N, C-alpha and C. Protein backbone atom coordinates (compact mmCIF):
# COMPACT_ATOMS: atom_id res chain seq x y z
N MET A 1 -10.46 -14.57 8.44
CA MET A 1 -9.03 -14.35 8.48
C MET A 1 -8.68 -12.87 8.46
N ALA A 2 -9.59 -12.05 7.98
CA ALA A 2 -9.28 -10.62 7.86
C ALA A 2 -9.67 -9.81 9.09
N SER A 3 -10.32 -10.44 10.06
CA SER A 3 -10.73 -9.67 11.22
C SER A 3 -9.51 -9.19 12.00
N ASN A 4 -9.61 -7.99 12.51
CA ASN A 4 -8.53 -7.34 13.26
C ASN A 4 -7.27 -7.10 12.43
N ARG A 5 -7.46 -7.01 11.12
CA ARG A 5 -6.33 -6.71 10.23
C ARG A 5 -6.73 -5.55 9.32
N ARG A 6 -5.73 -4.79 8.91
CA ARG A 6 -5.98 -3.72 7.95
C ARG A 6 -5.80 -4.30 6.56
N LEU A 7 -6.77 -4.06 5.72
CA LEU A 7 -6.68 -4.51 4.34
C LEU A 7 -6.44 -3.30 3.45
N VAL A 8 -5.46 -3.41 2.59
CA VAL A 8 -5.17 -2.34 1.64
C VAL A 8 -5.21 -2.93 0.24
N SER A 9 -5.53 -2.06 -0.71
CA SER A 9 -5.66 -2.52 -2.08
C SER A 9 -5.30 -1.40 -3.04
N ASP A 10 -4.81 -1.77 -4.21
CA ASP A 10 -4.57 -0.77 -5.24
C ASP A 10 -5.84 -0.50 -6.04
N ALA A 11 -6.91 -1.23 -5.76
CA ALA A 11 -8.23 -1.01 -6.36
C ALA A 11 -9.28 -1.26 -5.26
N PRO A 12 -9.32 -0.38 -4.24
CA PRO A 12 -10.16 -0.65 -3.07
C PRO A 12 -11.65 -0.80 -3.35
N GLU A 13 -12.20 0.01 -4.25
CA GLU A 13 -13.64 -0.11 -4.54
C GLU A 13 -13.96 -1.46 -5.18
N PHE A 14 -13.14 -1.89 -6.10
CA PHE A 14 -13.33 -3.18 -6.76
C PHE A 14 -13.20 -4.32 -5.75
N ASP A 15 -12.12 -4.31 -4.99
CA ASP A 15 -11.89 -5.38 -4.02
C ASP A 15 -12.92 -5.38 -2.90
N LYS A 16 -13.38 -4.20 -2.52
CA LYS A 16 -14.39 -4.10 -1.46
C LYS A 16 -15.69 -4.81 -1.89
N ARG A 17 -16.09 -4.62 -3.13
CA ARG A 17 -17.31 -5.29 -3.62
C ARG A 17 -17.19 -6.80 -3.52
N TRP A 18 -16.05 -7.35 -3.96
CA TRP A 18 -15.86 -8.80 -3.91
C TRP A 18 -15.78 -9.29 -2.48
N LEU A 19 -15.09 -8.57 -1.64
CA LEU A 19 -14.97 -8.95 -0.24
C LEU A 19 -16.33 -8.94 0.45
N GLU A 20 -17.15 -7.94 0.15
CA GLU A 20 -18.49 -7.87 0.73
C GLU A 20 -19.33 -9.07 0.30
N ARG A 21 -19.21 -9.45 -0.97
CA ARG A 21 -19.96 -10.64 -1.45
C ARG A 21 -19.52 -11.90 -0.72
N LEU A 22 -18.22 -12.07 -0.61
CA LEU A 22 -17.69 -13.26 0.07
C LEU A 22 -18.12 -13.28 1.53
N CYS A 23 -17.98 -12.16 2.20
CA CYS A 23 -18.33 -12.10 3.62
C CYS A 23 -19.83 -12.30 3.83
N ARG A 24 -20.64 -11.73 2.96
CA ARG A 24 -22.09 -11.92 3.07
C ARG A 24 -22.44 -13.40 2.99
N GLN A 25 -21.80 -14.13 2.08
CA GLN A 25 -22.05 -15.57 1.95
C GLN A 25 -21.62 -16.34 3.20
N ALA A 26 -20.60 -15.81 3.86
CA ALA A 26 -20.09 -16.47 5.07
C ALA A 26 -20.81 -15.97 6.33
N GLY A 27 -21.74 -15.01 6.15
CA GLY A 27 -22.46 -14.47 7.29
C GLY A 27 -21.61 -13.54 8.15
N LYS A 28 -20.63 -12.94 7.53
CA LYS A 28 -19.70 -12.05 8.25
C LYS A 28 -19.80 -10.64 7.69
N LYS A 29 -19.36 -9.69 8.50
CA LYS A 29 -19.29 -8.30 8.05
C LYS A 29 -17.92 -8.07 7.40
N ALA A 30 -17.92 -7.44 6.25
CA ALA A 30 -16.67 -7.19 5.54
C ALA A 30 -15.90 -6.06 6.23
N PRO A 31 -14.60 -6.24 6.42
CA PRO A 31 -13.78 -5.17 6.98
C PRO A 31 -13.56 -4.08 5.93
N PRO A 32 -13.19 -2.89 6.37
CA PRO A 32 -12.91 -1.84 5.39
C PRO A 32 -11.67 -2.17 4.55
N VAL A 33 -11.67 -1.66 3.35
CA VAL A 33 -10.52 -1.82 2.45
C VAL A 33 -9.98 -0.43 2.15
N LEU A 34 -8.74 -0.19 2.55
CA LEU A 34 -8.12 1.12 2.39
C LEU A 34 -7.27 1.17 1.12
N PRO A 35 -7.13 2.35 0.54
CA PRO A 35 -6.21 2.47 -0.60
C PRO A 35 -4.78 2.20 -0.16
N VAL A 36 -4.02 1.53 -0.98
CA VAL A 36 -2.64 1.18 -0.63
C VAL A 36 -1.82 2.44 -0.38
N GLU A 37 -2.20 3.53 -1.01
CA GLU A 37 -1.47 4.79 -0.79
C GLU A 37 -1.53 5.24 0.66
N THR A 38 -2.59 4.86 1.37
CA THR A 38 -2.70 5.18 2.80
C THR A 38 -1.57 4.51 3.57
N ALA A 39 -1.33 3.24 3.30
CA ALA A 39 -0.25 2.52 3.98
C ALA A 39 1.11 3.09 3.58
N TRP A 40 1.25 3.45 2.32
CA TRP A 40 2.52 4.01 1.87
C TRP A 40 2.78 5.35 2.55
N ALA A 41 1.75 6.19 2.66
CA ALA A 41 1.91 7.49 3.32
C ALA A 41 2.28 7.31 4.79
N GLU A 42 1.63 6.36 5.45
CA GLU A 42 1.96 6.08 6.86
C GLU A 42 3.40 5.58 7.00
N ALA A 43 3.85 4.81 6.03
CA ALA A 43 5.22 4.28 6.08
C ALA A 43 6.25 5.40 5.97
N MET A 44 5.90 6.47 5.27
CA MET A 44 6.84 7.59 5.08
C MET A 44 6.70 8.67 6.14
N GLU A 45 5.72 8.55 7.01
CA GLU A 45 5.39 9.62 7.95
C GLU A 45 6.59 10.11 8.76
N LYS A 46 7.34 9.20 9.36
CA LYS A 46 8.49 9.60 10.19
C LYS A 46 9.54 10.33 9.36
N THR A 47 9.80 9.84 8.18
CA THR A 47 10.78 10.48 7.30
C THR A 47 10.32 11.88 6.91
N LEU A 48 9.05 12.02 6.60
CA LEU A 48 8.54 13.31 6.15
C LEU A 48 8.50 14.35 7.26
N ASN A 49 8.44 13.90 8.52
CA ASN A 49 8.42 14.84 9.64
C ASN A 49 9.72 15.65 9.74
N ALA A 50 10.77 15.20 9.08
CA ALA A 50 12.03 15.92 9.11
C ALA A 50 11.97 17.20 8.26
N PHE A 51 10.96 17.29 7.40
CA PHE A 51 10.84 18.46 6.52
C PHE A 51 9.77 19.40 7.07
N THR A 52 10.02 20.69 6.97
CA THR A 52 9.07 21.66 7.51
C THR A 52 8.15 22.22 6.43
N SER A 53 8.65 22.39 5.25
CA SER A 53 7.85 22.97 4.18
C SER A 53 6.98 21.90 3.51
N PRO A 54 5.71 22.22 3.25
CA PRO A 54 4.84 21.26 2.54
C PRO A 54 5.42 20.86 1.18
N GLN A 55 6.07 21.79 0.50
CA GLN A 55 6.66 21.48 -0.80
C GLN A 55 7.81 20.49 -0.66
N GLU A 56 8.64 20.68 0.36
CA GLU A 56 9.74 19.75 0.60
C GLU A 56 9.20 18.36 0.93
N LYS A 57 8.15 18.31 1.75
CA LYS A 57 7.53 17.03 2.10
C LYS A 57 7.01 16.34 0.84
N ALA A 58 6.30 17.11 0.01
CA ALA A 58 5.74 16.53 -1.22
C ALA A 58 6.85 16.04 -2.15
N ASP A 59 7.88 16.88 -2.33
CA ASP A 59 8.99 16.48 -3.21
C ASP A 59 9.66 15.21 -2.71
N HIS A 60 9.90 15.16 -1.41
CA HIS A 60 10.56 13.98 -0.84
C HIS A 60 9.66 12.74 -0.95
N ALA A 61 8.38 12.91 -0.69
CA ALA A 61 7.44 11.79 -0.79
C ALA A 61 7.40 11.23 -2.20
N PHE A 62 7.31 12.10 -3.20
CA PHE A 62 7.27 11.64 -4.59
C PHE A 62 8.58 10.96 -4.98
N SER A 63 9.69 11.51 -4.51
CA SER A 63 10.99 10.91 -4.80
C SER A 63 11.10 9.51 -4.18
N CYS A 64 10.73 9.40 -2.92
CA CYS A 64 10.78 8.09 -2.23
C CYS A 64 9.86 7.09 -2.90
N LEU A 65 8.66 7.51 -3.24
CA LEU A 65 7.70 6.60 -3.86
C LEU A 65 8.22 6.13 -5.22
N ALA A 66 8.78 7.03 -6.00
CA ALA A 66 9.32 6.64 -7.31
C ALA A 66 10.45 5.62 -7.15
N ARG A 67 11.36 5.87 -6.19
CA ARG A 67 12.46 4.92 -5.96
C ARG A 67 11.95 3.58 -5.46
N ALA A 68 10.98 3.60 -4.56
CA ALA A 68 10.43 2.36 -4.02
C ALA A 68 9.73 1.55 -5.11
N LYS A 69 8.98 2.24 -5.95
CA LYS A 69 8.29 1.54 -7.05
C LYS A 69 9.29 0.96 -8.04
N GLN A 70 10.34 1.70 -8.32
CA GLN A 70 11.37 1.19 -9.24
C GLN A 70 12.07 -0.02 -8.65
N ARG A 71 12.40 0.04 -7.36
CA ARG A 71 13.04 -1.09 -6.69
C ARG A 71 12.12 -2.31 -6.72
N ALA A 72 10.85 -2.11 -6.43
CA ALA A 72 9.89 -3.22 -6.44
C ALA A 72 9.74 -3.81 -7.83
N MET A 73 9.73 -2.96 -8.85
CA MET A 73 9.59 -3.44 -10.23
C MET A 73 10.82 -4.24 -10.64
N THR A 74 11.98 -3.84 -10.17
CA THR A 74 13.21 -4.56 -10.48
C THR A 74 13.19 -5.95 -9.85
N ASN A 75 12.67 -6.03 -8.62
CA ASN A 75 12.66 -7.31 -7.90
C ASN A 75 11.52 -8.23 -8.31
N SER A 76 10.41 -7.68 -8.80
CA SER A 76 9.29 -8.54 -9.24
C SER A 76 8.59 -7.85 -10.40
N PRO A 77 9.15 -8.00 -11.61
CA PRO A 77 8.65 -7.27 -12.77
C PRO A 77 7.30 -7.73 -13.33
N VAL A 78 6.84 -8.92 -12.97
CA VAL A 78 5.57 -9.42 -13.51
C VAL A 78 4.42 -8.82 -12.70
N LEU A 79 3.50 -8.17 -13.39
CA LEU A 79 2.33 -7.60 -12.71
C LEU A 79 1.05 -8.14 -13.34
N HIS A 80 -0.04 -7.80 -12.73
CA HIS A 80 -1.38 -8.18 -13.17
C HIS A 80 -1.67 -9.66 -12.97
N ARG A 81 -1.05 -10.21 -11.95
CA ARG A 81 -1.36 -11.52 -11.40
C ARG A 81 -1.48 -11.27 -9.90
N ALA A 82 -2.46 -11.85 -9.27
CA ALA A 82 -2.76 -11.51 -7.88
C ALA A 82 -1.55 -11.59 -6.95
N MET A 83 -0.83 -12.69 -6.97
CA MET A 83 0.29 -12.83 -6.05
C MET A 83 1.43 -11.87 -6.42
N ALA A 84 1.71 -11.74 -7.70
CA ALA A 84 2.77 -10.82 -8.13
C ALA A 84 2.40 -9.38 -7.76
N ASP A 85 1.16 -9.00 -7.96
CA ASP A 85 0.72 -7.65 -7.60
C ASP A 85 0.84 -7.43 -6.10
N ALA A 86 0.42 -8.40 -5.31
CA ALA A 86 0.49 -8.27 -3.85
C ALA A 86 1.94 -8.14 -3.40
N ARG A 87 2.82 -8.92 -3.98
CA ARG A 87 4.25 -8.84 -3.62
C ARG A 87 4.83 -7.47 -4.01
N HIS A 88 4.42 -6.98 -5.17
CA HIS A 88 4.89 -5.68 -5.63
C HIS A 88 4.44 -4.57 -4.67
N LEU A 89 3.16 -4.56 -4.30
CA LEU A 89 2.64 -3.54 -3.39
C LEU A 89 3.33 -3.63 -2.04
N TRP A 90 3.56 -4.86 -1.56
CA TRP A 90 4.26 -5.05 -0.29
C TRP A 90 5.70 -4.56 -0.39
N ALA A 91 6.35 -4.83 -1.51
CA ALA A 91 7.74 -4.41 -1.67
C ALA A 91 7.87 -2.89 -1.63
N VAL A 92 6.91 -2.17 -2.24
CA VAL A 92 6.93 -0.71 -2.17
C VAL A 92 6.77 -0.27 -0.73
N TRP A 93 5.78 -0.83 -0.02
CA TRP A 93 5.55 -0.48 1.39
C TRP A 93 6.80 -0.81 2.23
N SER A 94 7.38 -1.96 2.00
CA SER A 94 8.55 -2.38 2.76
C SER A 94 9.70 -1.40 2.57
N ALA A 95 9.94 -0.98 1.33
CA ALA A 95 11.01 -0.02 1.06
C ALA A 95 10.72 1.30 1.76
N LEU A 96 9.49 1.77 1.66
CA LEU A 96 9.13 3.05 2.28
C LEU A 96 9.20 2.99 3.79
N SER A 97 8.99 1.81 4.36
CA SER A 97 9.03 1.63 5.81
C SER A 97 10.44 1.50 6.36
N SER A 98 11.37 1.22 5.49
CA SER A 98 12.75 1.00 5.93
C SER A 98 13.34 2.31 6.46
N PRO A 99 13.93 2.28 7.65
CA PRO A 99 14.50 3.51 8.22
C PRO A 99 15.66 4.08 7.41
N ASP A 100 16.31 3.26 6.62
CA ASP A 100 17.46 3.74 5.86
C ASP A 100 17.13 4.03 4.40
N PHE A 101 15.86 4.07 4.05
CA PHE A 101 15.49 4.31 2.65
C PHE A 101 15.55 5.77 2.32
């Protein structure tokens, strides 16, 4: 199910080990697991291009990330359960990807 898809995780090394075990048992090669911050950075890329100074980009990125995390926490406050964590990470990405955020 993961072939031709990008997998992101908030604990990529941990998840990669489990995914490799599962895939090995299925006779498949495990896809790479990227840090979720990679997806978040890509989601903000267009917005950050509006800034010329590296400091302005960094300040804006941190501000956006803080707001997105706060919004996600408000909408799904329960963490440390697989589905809740996945929804939380997606909500942050979704907010950062929004053109009006």
